[in-house]
Amino acid sequence: MSTGGERPWFFKYLQPGASAKDSLLTRRLLLRPLNRQDAKDFHAYARDPLVAKYVYWEPHKTLAQTRIILQGLMLQNRAEGLHTKALVLRDSLRMVGTIGLVWADKQNRVAELGFSLARDCWGQGLMAEALGAYLDYLFTTQGYERLEARHDILNPASGAVMRKAGMREEGLPPERVHYKGREASLVVYAARREDRQSTQHRETTKT
C-alpha cells in the first residue's frame, strides 16, 4: 500500500466516489465496493450450479440478469448499509466473489454475513483470508459487536472457512429452512468483537 499521502495502487479501480477506506487489502485479495464493470466476472461464476448449490439464490441464467442483480446489490448497499464487497484477485484484478451483510441491526450492533466464491478459487484459503479481513473491518470501522454466519449442514466446507477465520460454532437452531426444494438445517457461527480483540492482543504480546 502506498504511504506518505499517496493514493493506494488500487485507487483507480474503486467505484467512482469511493475512498480508499471503503476497500481492504489482504495478501492475495482486494475487497472493494461493487461496480457495474463487475457484471461479466460476476456472471462467470454466479451461473455455476455448484457455486449456487448451498445459497438462497439460483444460478444466473443470462448476463442481463446478472446486471440487474448487481445493480440491485449496489442500491441495497446504499439504502441499507450492507457493505457488500467484491472479492478481486490482486494479481489479475478478476472479480471472483462477494462478501457482505445479509441483514443488520445497527441499534443492537448485530449482523449476519454471507459470501460466495468462484469454484476455481476453492481450496486455496482465499475465502478465509477475505472473511478474516472483513470481520475486522466490520468490528473496527462499523462498530458491530456480534457477527453471525450460517451454512447448510450438508456444506461443511463453509463451516471450515468460518472456523479458520476465527468464528465459533454455536450449533443448530431448532427451526429448519426451506430452500432449493428441501428442508435444510443451518449451522450458526458467530464472532464477537470483544473476543476477537482479546485474541489479537494476546497474539501481539507474544511477538
N, C-alpha and C. Protein backbone atom coordinates (compact mmCIF):
# COMPACT_ATOMS: atom_id res chain seq x y z
N MET A 1 0.85 -1.20 0.00
CA MET A 1 0.00 0.00 0.00
C MET A 1 0.88 1.24 0.00
N SER A 2 0.46 2.26 -0.71
CA SER A 2 1.25 3.48 -0.78
C SER A 2 1.26 4.19 0.56
N THR A 3 2.30 4.96 0.77
CA THR A 3 2.43 5.70 2.02
C THR A 3 2.69 7.16 1.69
N GLY A 4 2.83 7.96 2.76
CA GLY A 4 3.19 9.35 2.57
C GLY A 4 2.15 10.18 1.87
N GLY A 5 0.87 9.82 2.01
CA GLY A 5 -0.20 10.61 1.43
C GLY A 5 -0.55 10.26 0.01
N GLU A 6 0.20 9.34 -0.63
CA GLU A 6 -0.12 8.94 -1.98
C GLU A 6 -1.35 8.03 -1.99
N ARG A 7 -2.07 8.06 -3.11
CA ARG A 7 -3.21 7.16 -3.24
C ARG A 7 -2.72 5.73 -3.42
N PRO A 8 -3.42 4.74 -2.81
CA PRO A 8 -3.02 3.34 -2.99
C PRO A 8 -3.06 2.94 -4.46
N TRP A 9 -2.29 1.90 -4.82
CA TRP A 9 -2.22 1.47 -6.21
C TRP A 9 -3.57 1.08 -6.77
N PHE A 10 -4.51 0.62 -5.89
CA PHE A 10 -5.79 0.14 -6.38
C PHE A 10 -6.85 1.23 -6.46
N PHE A 11 -6.47 2.48 -6.13
CA PHE A 11 -7.47 3.54 -6.04
C PHE A 11 -8.26 3.70 -7.34
N LYS A 12 -7.59 3.58 -8.48
CA LYS A 12 -8.26 3.78 -9.77
C LYS A 12 -9.30 2.72 -10.07
N TYR A 13 -9.26 1.60 -9.33
CA TYR A 13 -10.23 0.53 -9.56
C TYR A 13 -11.47 0.64 -8.66
N LEU A 14 -11.49 1.63 -7.80
CA LEU A 14 -12.62 1.78 -6.91
C LEU A 14 -13.82 2.36 -7.63
N GLN A 15 -14.98 2.10 -7.08
CA GLN A 15 -16.21 2.70 -7.61
C GLN A 15 -16.09 4.22 -7.55
N PRO A 16 -16.53 4.93 -8.59
CA PRO A 16 -16.44 6.39 -8.57
C PRO A 16 -17.06 6.97 -7.31
N GLY A 17 -16.32 7.83 -6.65
CA GLY A 17 -16.81 8.45 -5.43
C GLY A 17 -16.40 7.72 -4.17
N ALA A 18 -15.91 6.49 -4.31
CA ALA A 18 -15.49 5.73 -3.13
C ALA A 18 -14.10 6.20 -2.70
N SER A 19 -13.79 5.98 -1.45
CA SER A 19 -12.47 6.34 -0.95
C SER A 19 -11.72 5.08 -0.58
N ALA A 20 -10.44 5.20 -0.36
CA ALA A 20 -9.61 4.04 -0.07
C ALA A 20 -10.08 3.31 1.19
N LYS A 21 -10.65 4.03 2.13
CA LYS A 21 -11.08 3.39 3.37
C LYS A 21 -12.24 2.42 3.16
N ASP A 22 -12.91 2.49 2.02
CA ASP A 22 -14.00 1.56 1.73
C ASP A 22 -13.51 0.22 1.21
N SER A 23 -12.21 0.10 1.00
CA SER A 23 -11.63 -1.11 0.45
C SER A 23 -10.60 -1.70 1.40
N LEU A 24 -10.37 -2.99 1.25
CA LEU A 24 -9.45 -3.71 2.12
C LEU A 24 -8.47 -4.49 1.26
N LEU A 25 -7.24 -4.55 1.71
CA LEU A 25 -6.23 -5.36 1.05
C LEU A 25 -5.83 -6.52 1.95
N THR A 26 -5.78 -7.72 1.39
CA THR A 26 -5.19 -8.85 2.08
C THR A 26 -3.98 -9.28 1.25
N ARG A 27 -3.36 -10.37 1.64
CA ARG A 27 -2.16 -10.80 0.92
C ARG A 27 -2.44 -11.06 -0.55
N ARG A 28 -3.61 -11.64 -0.86
CA ARG A 28 -3.90 -12.01 -2.25
C ARG A 28 -5.13 -11.35 -2.83
N LEU A 29 -5.86 -10.61 -2.02
CA LEU A 29 -7.16 -10.08 -2.44
C LEU A 29 -7.30 -8.58 -2.21
N LEU A 30 -8.13 -8.00 -3.03
CA LEU A 30 -8.65 -6.65 -2.81
C LEU A 30 -10.15 -6.79 -2.59
N LEU A 31 -10.65 -6.29 -1.47
CA LEU A 31 -12.08 -6.25 -1.19
C LEU A 31 -12.51 -4.80 -1.38
N ARG A 32 -13.34 -4.56 -2.37
CA ARG A 32 -13.73 -3.20 -2.71
C ARG A 32 -15.22 -3.13 -3.01
N PRO A 33 -15.79 -1.92 -3.08
CA PRO A 33 -17.20 -1.80 -3.43
C PRO A 33 -17.48 -2.39 -4.81
N LEU A 34 -18.68 -2.92 -4.97
CA LEU A 34 -19.11 -3.41 -6.28
C LEU A 34 -19.22 -2.26 -7.27
N ASN A 35 -19.02 -2.57 -8.54
CA ASN A 35 -19.30 -1.59 -9.59
C ASN A 35 -19.88 -2.29 -10.81
N ARG A 36 -20.43 -1.53 -11.73
CA ARG A 36 -21.12 -2.10 -12.89
C ARG A 36 -20.19 -2.92 -13.78
N GLN A 37 -18.91 -2.60 -13.76
CA GLN A 37 -17.95 -3.33 -14.59
C GLN A 37 -17.71 -4.75 -14.09
N ASP A 38 -18.25 -5.09 -12.92
CA ASP A 38 -18.09 -6.45 -12.38
C ASP A 38 -19.02 -7.46 -13.04
N ALA A 39 -19.95 -7.03 -13.87
CA ALA A 39 -21.02 -7.90 -14.36
C ALA A 39 -20.50 -9.17 -15.02
N LYS A 40 -19.53 -9.06 -15.92
CA LYS A 40 -19.06 -10.25 -16.65
C LYS A 40 -18.38 -11.25 -15.73
N ASP A 41 -17.51 -10.75 -14.85
CA ASP A 41 -16.84 -11.65 -13.90
C ASP A 41 -17.85 -12.26 -12.94
N PHE A 42 -18.79 -11.45 -12.49
CA PHE A 42 -19.84 -11.92 -11.58
C PHE A 42 -20.64 -13.05 -12.25
N HIS A 43 -21.04 -12.81 -13.47
CA HIS A 43 -21.83 -13.81 -14.19
C HIS A 43 -21.05 -15.10 -14.40
N ALA A 44 -19.74 -14.98 -14.66
CA ALA A 44 -18.92 -16.15 -14.96
C ALA A 44 -18.96 -17.19 -13.86
N TYR A 45 -19.02 -16.74 -12.58
CA TYR A 45 -19.08 -17.73 -11.50
C TYR A 45 -20.49 -17.91 -10.94
N ALA A 46 -21.34 -16.89 -11.02
CA ALA A 46 -22.69 -17.00 -10.46
C ALA A 46 -23.60 -17.89 -11.29
N ARG A 47 -23.22 -18.20 -12.50
CA ARG A 47 -24.01 -19.12 -13.33
C ARG A 47 -23.69 -20.58 -13.02
N ASP A 48 -22.66 -20.81 -12.22
CA ASP A 48 -22.21 -22.17 -11.89
C ASP A 48 -23.17 -22.80 -10.88
N PRO A 49 -23.82 -23.91 -11.22
CA PRO A 49 -24.76 -24.55 -10.28
C PRO A 49 -24.10 -24.98 -8.97
N LEU A 50 -22.83 -25.33 -8.99
CA LEU A 50 -22.17 -25.75 -7.76
C LEU A 50 -21.91 -24.57 -6.83
N VAL A 51 -21.61 -23.41 -7.39
CA VAL A 51 -21.44 -22.21 -6.56
C VAL A 51 -22.76 -21.84 -5.90
N ALA A 52 -23.87 -22.03 -6.62
CA ALA A 52 -25.19 -21.64 -6.12
C ALA A 52 -25.89 -22.76 -5.34
N LYS A 53 -25.25 -23.90 -5.17
CA LYS A 53 -25.93 -25.07 -4.59
C LYS A 53 -26.42 -24.84 -3.17
N TYR A 54 -25.62 -24.19 -2.34
CA TYR A 54 -25.96 -24.04 -0.92
C TYR A 54 -26.21 -22.59 -0.53
N VAL A 55 -26.68 -21.79 -1.47
CA VAL A 55 -27.08 -20.42 -1.17
C VAL A 55 -28.54 -20.25 -1.57
N TYR A 56 -29.14 -19.15 -1.14
CA TYR A 56 -30.56 -18.95 -1.40
C TYR A 56 -30.84 -18.60 -2.86
N TRP A 57 -29.87 -17.99 -3.56
CA TRP A 57 -30.12 -17.58 -4.93
C TRP A 57 -29.86 -18.72 -5.92
N GLU A 58 -30.52 -18.62 -7.05
CA GLU A 58 -30.38 -19.61 -8.11
C GLU A 58 -29.24 -19.21 -9.05
N PRO A 59 -28.67 -20.16 -9.79
CA PRO A 59 -27.64 -19.80 -10.77
C PRO A 59 -28.16 -18.75 -11.75
N HIS A 60 -27.32 -17.80 -12.08
CA HIS A 60 -27.72 -16.77 -13.03
C HIS A 60 -27.83 -17.38 -14.42
N LYS A 61 -28.86 -17.01 -15.14
CA LYS A 61 -29.08 -17.59 -16.47
C LYS A 61 -28.48 -16.76 -17.58
N THR A 62 -28.52 -15.46 -17.47
CA THR A 62 -28.02 -14.59 -18.53
C THR A 62 -27.20 -13.44 -17.93
N LEU A 63 -26.37 -12.84 -18.77
CA LEU A 63 -25.60 -11.68 -18.34
C LEU A 63 -26.53 -10.52 -17.99
N ALA A 64 -27.62 -10.40 -18.72
CA ALA A 64 -28.59 -9.34 -18.43
C ALA A 64 -29.16 -9.50 -17.03
N GLN A 65 -29.45 -10.74 -16.65
CA GLN A 65 -29.96 -11.00 -15.30
C GLN A 65 -28.91 -10.62 -14.25
N THR A 66 -27.66 -10.98 -14.52
CA THR A 66 -26.58 -10.63 -13.59
C THR A 66 -26.47 -9.12 -13.42
N ARG A 67 -26.60 -8.39 -14.51
CA ARG A 67 -26.52 -6.93 -14.42
C ARG A 67 -27.62 -6.36 -13.53
N ILE A 68 -28.82 -6.92 -13.65
CA ILE A 68 -29.95 -6.47 -12.82
C ILE A 68 -29.68 -6.78 -11.34
N ILE A 69 -29.19 -7.99 -11.08
CA ILE A 69 -28.88 -8.39 -9.71
C ILE A 69 -27.78 -7.53 -9.12
N LEU A 70 -26.75 -7.27 -9.92
CA LEU A 70 -25.64 -6.44 -9.47
C LEU A 70 -26.11 -5.03 -9.14
N GLN A 71 -26.93 -4.46 -9.99
CA GLN A 71 -27.47 -3.13 -9.72
C GLN A 71 -28.30 -3.12 -8.44
N GLY A 72 -29.08 -4.20 -8.23
CA GLY A 72 -29.87 -4.31 -7.01
C GLY A 72 -29.00 -4.36 -5.77
N LEU A 73 -27.90 -5.11 -5.83
CA LEU A 73 -26.98 -5.18 -4.69
C LEU A 73 -26.37 -3.81 -4.38
N MET A 74 -26.00 -3.10 -5.42
CA MET A 74 -25.41 -1.78 -5.22
C MET A 74 -26.41 -0.80 -4.60
N LEU A 75 -27.65 -0.85 -5.07
CA LEU A 75 -28.69 0.01 -4.50
C LEU A 75 -28.99 -0.38 -3.06
N GLN A 76 -29.04 -1.68 -2.79
CA GLN A 76 -29.31 -2.15 -1.43
C GLN A 76 -28.19 -1.75 -0.48
N ASN A 77 -26.96 -1.80 -0.97
CA ASN A 77 -25.84 -1.35 -0.13
C ASN A 77 -26.03 0.08 0.32
N ARG A 78 -26.38 0.94 -0.62
CA ARG A 78 -26.54 2.36 -0.29
C ARG A 78 -27.74 2.59 0.62
N ALA A 79 -28.84 1.86 0.36
CA ALA A 79 -30.07 2.08 1.12
C ALA A 79 -29.99 1.50 2.54
N GLU A 80 -29.34 0.34 2.68
CA GLU A 80 -29.35 -0.37 3.95
C GLU A 80 -27.99 -0.46 4.62
N GLY A 81 -26.95 0.03 3.96
CA GLY A 81 -25.62 -0.02 4.55
C GLY A 81 -25.11 -1.42 4.80
N LEU A 82 -25.26 -2.30 3.79
CA LEU A 82 -24.89 -3.71 3.97
C LEU A 82 -23.43 -4.01 3.63
N HIS A 83 -22.71 -3.06 3.08
CA HIS A 83 -21.26 -3.17 2.92
C HIS A 83 -20.83 -4.40 2.11
N THR A 84 -21.59 -4.76 1.07
CA THR A 84 -21.17 -5.87 0.23
C THR A 84 -19.93 -5.48 -0.57
N LYS A 85 -18.93 -6.36 -0.54
CA LYS A 85 -17.68 -6.11 -1.25
C LYS A 85 -17.47 -7.13 -2.37
N ALA A 86 -16.85 -6.69 -3.44
CA ALA A 86 -16.36 -7.60 -4.47
C ALA A 86 -15.02 -8.16 -4.00
N LEU A 87 -14.81 -9.46 -4.21
CA LEU A 87 -13.52 -10.08 -3.93
C LEU A 87 -12.74 -10.12 -5.23
N VAL A 88 -11.62 -9.46 -5.27
CA VAL A 88 -10.83 -9.30 -6.51
C VAL A 88 -9.43 -9.86 -6.28
N LEU A 89 -8.98 -10.72 -7.19
CA LEU A 89 -7.62 -11.24 -7.12
C LEU A 89 -6.64 -10.12 -7.43
N ARG A 90 -5.66 -9.92 -6.57
CA ARG A 90 -4.73 -8.81 -6.75
C ARG A 90 -3.85 -9.00 -7.98
N ASP A 91 -3.52 -10.25 -8.31
CA ASP A 91 -2.60 -10.46 -9.42
C ASP A 91 -3.24 -10.25 -10.79
N SER A 92 -4.55 -10.52 -10.90
CA SER A 92 -5.22 -10.42 -12.20
C SER A 92 -6.33 -9.37 -12.24
N LEU A 93 -6.74 -8.88 -11.05
CA LEU A 93 -7.87 -7.95 -10.91
C LEU A 93 -9.18 -8.57 -11.36
N ARG A 94 -9.26 -9.90 -11.36
CA ARG A 94 -10.52 -10.58 -11.69
C ARG A 94 -11.40 -10.64 -10.45
N MET A 95 -12.65 -10.26 -10.60
CA MET A 95 -13.63 -10.34 -9.52
C MET A 95 -14.09 -11.80 -9.42
N VAL A 96 -13.89 -12.43 -8.24
CA VAL A 96 -14.13 -13.86 -8.11
C VAL A 96 -15.14 -14.19 -7.02
N GLY A 97 -15.74 -13.19 -6.39
CA GLY A 97 -16.71 -13.49 -5.34
C GLY A 97 -17.25 -12.23 -4.69
N THR A 98 -18.11 -12.44 -3.72
CA THR A 98 -18.65 -11.34 -2.94
C THR A 98 -18.69 -11.74 -1.47
N ILE A 99 -18.68 -10.74 -0.63
CA ILE A 99 -18.89 -10.93 0.80
C ILE A 99 -19.65 -9.71 1.29
N GLY A 100 -20.68 -9.93 2.11
CA GLY A 100 -21.48 -8.81 2.57
C GLY A 100 -22.45 -9.21 3.66
N LEU A 101 -23.22 -8.24 4.12
CA LEU A 101 -24.20 -8.47 5.18
C LEU A 101 -25.53 -8.90 4.58
N VAL A 102 -26.13 -9.91 5.17
CA VAL A 102 -27.46 -10.38 4.79
C VAL A 102 -28.51 -9.48 5.44
N TRP A 103 -28.31 -9.15 6.69
CA TRP A 103 -29.14 -8.20 7.41
C TRP A 103 -28.30 -7.57 8.50
N ALA A 104 -28.75 -6.43 8.98
CA ALA A 104 -28.01 -5.72 10.03
C ALA A 104 -28.97 -5.04 10.98
N ASP A 105 -28.73 -5.20 12.26
CA ASP A 105 -29.46 -4.48 13.31
C ASP A 105 -28.46 -3.50 13.92
N LYS A 106 -28.43 -2.30 13.38
CA LYS A 106 -27.42 -1.33 13.80
C LYS A 106 -27.65 -0.85 15.22
N GLN A 107 -28.90 -0.86 15.65
CA GLN A 107 -29.19 -0.40 17.01
C GLN A 107 -28.56 -1.33 18.04
N ASN A 108 -28.67 -2.63 17.80
CA ASN A 108 -28.09 -3.62 18.71
C ASN A 108 -26.70 -4.07 18.28
N ARG A 109 -26.22 -3.52 17.17
CA ARG A 109 -24.87 -3.77 16.65
C ARG A 109 -24.62 -5.26 16.40
N VAL A 110 -25.62 -5.87 15.74
CA VAL A 110 -25.55 -7.28 15.37
C VAL A 110 -25.86 -7.39 13.88
N ALA A 111 -25.20 -8.31 13.19
CA ALA A 111 -25.45 -8.50 11.77
C ALA A 111 -25.12 -9.94 11.38
N GLU A 112 -25.69 -10.35 10.24
CA GLU A 112 -25.37 -11.66 9.66
C GLU A 112 -24.72 -11.44 8.31
N LEU A 113 -23.70 -12.21 8.02
CA LEU A 113 -22.98 -12.06 6.76
C LEU A 113 -23.06 -13.33 5.92
N GLY A 114 -22.79 -13.16 4.63
CA GLY A 114 -22.76 -14.28 3.71
C GLY A 114 -21.69 -14.03 2.66
N PHE A 115 -21.30 -15.10 1.95
CA PHE A 115 -20.24 -14.96 0.96
C PHE A 115 -20.37 -16.03 -0.12
N SER A 116 -19.73 -15.76 -1.25
CA SER A 116 -19.67 -16.73 -2.34
C SER A 116 -18.34 -16.56 -3.06
N LEU A 117 -17.89 -17.63 -3.72
CA LEU A 117 -16.57 -17.62 -4.35
C LEU A 117 -16.58 -18.51 -5.58
N ALA A 118 -15.91 -18.06 -6.63
CA ALA A 118 -15.80 -18.84 -7.86
C ALA A 118 -15.19 -20.21 -7.58
N ARG A 119 -15.69 -21.23 -8.28
CA ARG A 119 -15.27 -22.60 -7.98
C ARG A 119 -13.77 -22.83 -8.22
N ASP A 120 -13.18 -22.15 -9.20
CA ASP A 120 -11.76 -22.38 -9.46
C ASP A 120 -10.87 -21.76 -8.39
N CYS A 121 -11.48 -21.05 -7.44
CA CYS A 121 -10.73 -20.46 -6.32
C CYS A 121 -10.93 -21.23 -5.02
N TRP A 122 -11.73 -22.28 -5.04
CA TRP A 122 -11.95 -23.07 -3.83
C TRP A 122 -10.67 -23.79 -3.41
N GLY A 123 -10.58 -24.07 -2.11
CA GLY A 123 -9.48 -24.88 -1.60
C GLY A 123 -8.14 -24.19 -1.52
N GLN A 124 -8.12 -22.87 -1.64
CA GLN A 124 -6.86 -22.13 -1.60
C GLN A 124 -6.75 -21.21 -0.38
N GLY A 125 -7.75 -21.23 0.48
CA GLY A 125 -7.75 -20.37 1.66
C GLY A 125 -8.13 -18.94 1.39
N LEU A 126 -8.60 -18.64 0.17
CA LEU A 126 -8.93 -17.26 -0.18
C LEU A 126 -10.14 -16.74 0.59
N MET A 127 -11.15 -17.60 0.76
CA MET A 127 -12.37 -17.13 1.42
C MET A 127 -12.11 -16.86 2.89
N ALA A 128 -11.33 -17.70 3.55
CA ALA A 128 -11.00 -17.46 4.95
C ALA A 128 -10.17 -16.19 5.10
N GLU A 129 -9.29 -15.94 4.14
CA GLU A 129 -8.48 -14.72 4.13
C GLU A 129 -9.38 -13.49 4.03
N ALA A 130 -10.36 -13.56 3.12
CA ALA A 130 -11.29 -12.45 2.94
C ALA A 130 -12.17 -12.27 4.17
N LEU A 131 -12.68 -13.38 4.70
CA LEU A 131 -13.60 -13.30 5.84
C LEU A 131 -12.93 -12.72 7.06
N GLY A 132 -11.69 -13.12 7.34
CA GLY A 132 -10.98 -12.57 8.49
C GLY A 132 -10.82 -11.06 8.39
N ALA A 133 -10.45 -10.58 7.19
CA ALA A 133 -10.29 -9.14 6.99
C ALA A 133 -11.63 -8.42 7.09
N TYR A 134 -12.67 -9.05 6.58
CA TYR A 134 -14.00 -8.43 6.59
C TYR A 134 -14.54 -8.33 8.02
N LEU A 135 -14.34 -9.35 8.82
CA LEU A 135 -14.76 -9.30 10.22
C LEU A 135 -14.07 -8.14 10.95
N ASP A 136 -12.77 -8.01 10.76
CA ASP A 136 -12.04 -6.92 11.40
C ASP A 136 -12.56 -5.56 10.94
N TYR A 137 -12.85 -5.45 9.66
CA TYR A 137 -13.39 -4.21 9.10
C TYR A 137 -14.72 -3.84 9.77
N LEU A 138 -15.62 -4.81 9.90
CA LEU A 138 -16.93 -4.52 10.49
C LEU A 138 -16.84 -4.20 11.97
N PHE A 139 -15.96 -4.89 12.68
CA PHE A 139 -15.80 -4.61 14.09
C PHE A 139 -15.11 -3.26 14.33
N THR A 140 -14.10 -2.98 13.54
CA THR A 140 -13.26 -1.81 13.79
C THR A 140 -13.87 -0.52 13.26
N THR A 141 -14.40 -0.56 12.04
CA THR A 141 -14.86 0.69 11.42
C THR A 141 -16.37 0.86 11.45
N GLN A 142 -17.12 -0.23 11.63
CA GLN A 142 -18.58 -0.13 11.58
C GLN A 142 -19.23 -0.31 12.94
N GLY A 143 -18.47 -0.65 13.95
CA GLY A 143 -18.98 -0.68 15.32
C GLY A 143 -19.84 -1.86 15.70
N TYR A 144 -19.82 -2.94 14.92
CA TYR A 144 -20.62 -4.11 15.30
C TYR A 144 -19.99 -4.84 16.48
N GLU A 145 -20.85 -5.43 17.31
CA GLU A 145 -20.39 -6.19 18.48
C GLU A 145 -20.45 -7.69 18.24
N ARG A 146 -21.38 -8.12 17.39
CA ARG A 146 -21.55 -9.55 17.13
C ARG A 146 -21.87 -9.74 15.65
N LEU A 147 -21.20 -10.69 15.03
CA LEU A 147 -21.43 -11.01 13.63
C LEU A 147 -21.70 -12.50 13.50
N GLU A 148 -22.74 -12.83 12.76
CA GLU A 148 -23.16 -14.22 12.61
C GLU A 148 -23.03 -14.66 11.16
N ALA A 149 -22.95 -15.96 10.97
CA ALA A 149 -22.99 -16.56 9.63
C ALA A 149 -23.58 -17.95 9.77
N ARG A 150 -24.19 -18.45 8.71
CA ARG A 150 -24.83 -19.76 8.73
C ARG A 150 -24.41 -20.54 7.50
N HIS A 151 -24.39 -21.86 7.66
CA HIS A 151 -24.16 -22.70 6.49
C HIS A 151 -25.03 -23.94 6.56
N ASP A 152 -25.39 -24.44 5.41
CA ASP A 152 -26.16 -25.67 5.31
C ASP A 152 -25.33 -26.80 5.91
N ILE A 153 -25.98 -27.66 6.69
CA ILE A 153 -25.27 -28.76 7.33
C ILE A 153 -24.64 -29.70 6.30
N LEU A 154 -25.16 -29.68 5.07
CA LEU A 154 -24.60 -30.50 4.00
C LEU A 154 -23.40 -29.84 3.33
N ASN A 155 -23.03 -28.67 3.79
CA ASN A 155 -21.91 -27.93 3.20
C ASN A 155 -20.88 -27.60 4.28
N PRO A 156 -20.22 -28.62 4.85
CA PRO A 156 -19.28 -28.38 5.95
C PRO A 156 -18.07 -27.55 5.55
N ALA A 157 -17.75 -27.49 4.26
CA ALA A 157 -16.60 -26.69 3.83
C ALA A 157 -16.78 -25.22 4.20
N SER A 158 -18.03 -24.74 4.15
CA SER A 158 -18.30 -23.36 4.53
C SER A 158 -18.02 -23.15 6.02
N GLY A 159 -18.38 -24.13 6.83
CA GLY A 159 -18.09 -24.04 8.26
C GLY A 159 -16.60 -24.03 8.53
N ALA A 160 -15.84 -24.79 7.75
CA ALA A 160 -14.38 -24.80 7.90
C ALA A 160 -13.80 -23.42 7.63
N VAL A 161 -14.34 -22.73 6.64
CA VAL A 161 -13.90 -21.36 6.34
C VAL A 161 -14.16 -20.45 7.54
N MET A 162 -15.35 -20.57 8.12
CA MET A 162 -15.71 -19.71 9.26
C MET A 162 -14.80 -19.97 10.45
N ARG A 163 -14.51 -21.23 10.71
CA ARG A 163 -13.61 -21.55 11.84
C ARG A 163 -12.21 -21.01 11.59
N LYS A 164 -11.74 -21.17 10.36
CA LYS A 164 -10.39 -20.70 10.03
C LYS A 164 -10.28 -19.19 10.18
N ALA A 165 -11.40 -18.49 9.94
CA ALA A 165 -11.40 -17.03 10.07
C ALA A 165 -11.62 -16.58 11.51
N GLY A 166 -11.82 -17.52 12.43
CA GLY A 166 -11.93 -17.17 13.85
C GLY A 166 -13.34 -17.14 14.40
N MET A 167 -14.33 -17.61 13.61
CA MET A 167 -15.70 -17.66 14.12
C MET A 167 -15.90 -18.96 14.90
N ARG A 168 -16.86 -18.96 15.81
CA ARG A 168 -17.12 -20.13 16.66
C ARG A 168 -18.48 -20.73 16.35
N GLU A 169 -18.51 -22.04 16.28
CA GLU A 169 -19.78 -22.73 16.02
C GLU A 169 -20.69 -22.63 17.25
N GLU A 170 -21.95 -22.28 17.00
CA GLU A 170 -22.93 -22.19 18.08
C GLU A 170 -24.00 -23.27 17.99
N GLY A 171 -23.96 -24.08 16.96
CA GLY A 171 -24.87 -25.21 16.88
C GLY A 171 -26.01 -25.02 15.89
N LEU A 172 -26.97 -25.94 15.99
CA LEU A 172 -28.11 -25.98 15.08
C LEU A 172 -29.35 -25.40 15.75
N PRO A 173 -29.93 -24.33 15.22
CA PRO A 173 -31.20 -23.83 15.76
C PRO A 173 -32.29 -24.88 15.54
N PRO A 174 -33.35 -24.86 16.36
CA PRO A 174 -34.42 -25.84 16.20
C PRO A 174 -35.18 -25.70 14.89
N GLU A 175 -35.28 -24.47 14.37
CA GLU A 175 -36.04 -24.28 13.14
C GLU A 175 -35.22 -24.69 11.93
N ARG A 176 -35.93 -25.15 10.90
CA ARG A 176 -35.31 -25.53 9.64
C ARG A 176 -35.74 -24.54 8.56
N VAL A 177 -34.97 -24.47 7.50
CA VAL A 177 -35.22 -23.52 6.43
C VAL A 177 -35.56 -24.29 5.16
N HIS A 178 -36.58 -23.80 4.46
CA HIS A 178 -36.95 -24.43 3.19
C HIS A 178 -36.35 -23.63 2.03
N TYR A 179 -35.50 -24.28 1.27
CA TYR A 179 -34.95 -23.65 0.06
C TYR A 179 -34.46 -24.74 -0.88
N LYS A 180 -34.39 -24.40 -2.16
CA LYS A 180 -33.98 -25.33 -3.21
C LYS A 180 -34.77 -26.63 -3.17
N GLY A 181 -36.07 -26.51 -2.80
CA GLY A 181 -36.97 -27.66 -2.82
C GLY A 181 -36.80 -28.64 -1.68
N ARG A 182 -36.14 -28.25 -0.59
CA ARG A 182 -35.97 -29.18 0.53
C ARG A 182 -35.89 -28.41 1.85
N GLU A 183 -36.04 -29.15 2.93
CA GLU A 183 -35.88 -28.61 4.27
C GLU A 183 -34.42 -28.76 4.68
N ALA A 184 -33.83 -27.68 5.12
CA ALA A 184 -32.40 -27.69 5.44
C ALA A 184 -32.16 -27.23 6.87
N SER A 185 -31.15 -27.82 7.50
CA SER A 185 -30.68 -27.37 8.81
C SER A 185 -29.46 -26.50 8.60
N LEU A 186 -29.45 -25.35 9.26
CA LEU A 186 -28.35 -24.40 9.11
C LEU A 186 -27.56 -24.31 10.41
N VAL A 187 -26.26 -24.47 10.31
CA VAL A 187 -25.37 -24.35 11.46
C VAL A 187 -25.00 -22.88 11.66
N VAL A 188 -25.09 -22.40 12.89
CA VAL A 188 -24.82 -20.99 13.20
C VAL A 188 -23.40 -20.84 13.74
N TYR A 189 -22.69 -19.87 13.18
CA TYR A 189 -21.38 -19.46 13.69
C TYR A 189 -21.46 -18.00 14.09
N ALA A 190 -20.59 -17.58 15.00
CA ALA A 190 -20.59 -16.19 15.43
C ALA A 190 -19.19 -15.75 15.82
N ALA A 191 -18.97 -14.45 15.74
CA ALA A 191 -17.74 -13.82 16.24
C ALA A 191 -18.15 -12.58 17.01
N ARG A 192 -17.48 -12.34 18.13
CA ARG A 192 -17.75 -11.15 18.93
C ARG A 192 -16.53 -10.25 18.92
N ARG A 193 -16.78 -8.96 18.88
CA ARG A 193 -15.67 -8.00 18.81
C ARG A 193 -14.75 -8.15 20.02
N GLU A 194 -15.35 -8.30 21.20
CA GLU A 194 -14.54 -8.40 22.41
C GLU A 194 -13.60 -9.58 22.35
N ASP A 195 -14.10 -10.73 21.92
CA ASP A 195 -13.27 -11.93 21.83
C ASP A 195 -12.17 -11.77 20.78
N ARG A 196 -12.53 -11.17 19.65
CA ARG A 196 -11.55 -11.02 18.58
C ARG A 196 -10.44 -10.06 18.98
N GLN A 197 -10.79 -8.98 19.62
CA GLN A 197 -9.78 -8.03 20.05
C GLN A 197 -8.88 -8.63 21.12
N SER A 198 -9.46 -9.45 22.01
CA SER A 198 -8.66 -10.11 23.04
C SER A 198 -7.66 -11.07 22.42
N THR A 199 -8.11 -11.82 21.41
CA THR A 199 -7.24 -12.77 20.73
C THR A 199 -6.10 -12.05 20.02
N GLN A 200 -6.44 -10.95 19.34
CA GLN A 200 -5.42 -10.19 18.63
C GLN A 200 -4.42 -9.58 19.60
N HIS A 201 -4.89 -9.16 20.76
CA HIS A 201 -3.99 -8.60 21.77
C HIS A 201 -3.02 -9.67 22.28
N ARG A 202 -3.53 -10.88 22.53
CA ARG A 202 -2.65 -11.96 23.01
C ARG A 202 -1.61 -12.30 21.97
N GLU A 203 -2.02 -12.35 20.69
CA GLU A 203 -1.09 -12.69 19.63
C GLU A 203 -0.02 -11.61 19.47
N THR A 204 -0.42 -10.35 19.68
CA THR A 204 0.53 -9.24 19.56
C THR A 204 1.56 -9.28 20.66
N THR A 205 1.12 -9.59 21.88
CA THR A 205 2.04 -9.61 23.01
C THR A 205 3.02 -10.78 22.95
N LYS A 206 2.70 -11.81 22.18
CA LYS A 206 3.60 -12.94 22.04
C LYS A 206 4.78 -12.64 21.12
N THR A 207 4.57 -11.67 20.23
CA THR A 207 5.61 -11.38 19.22
C THR A 207 6.57 -10.30 19.71
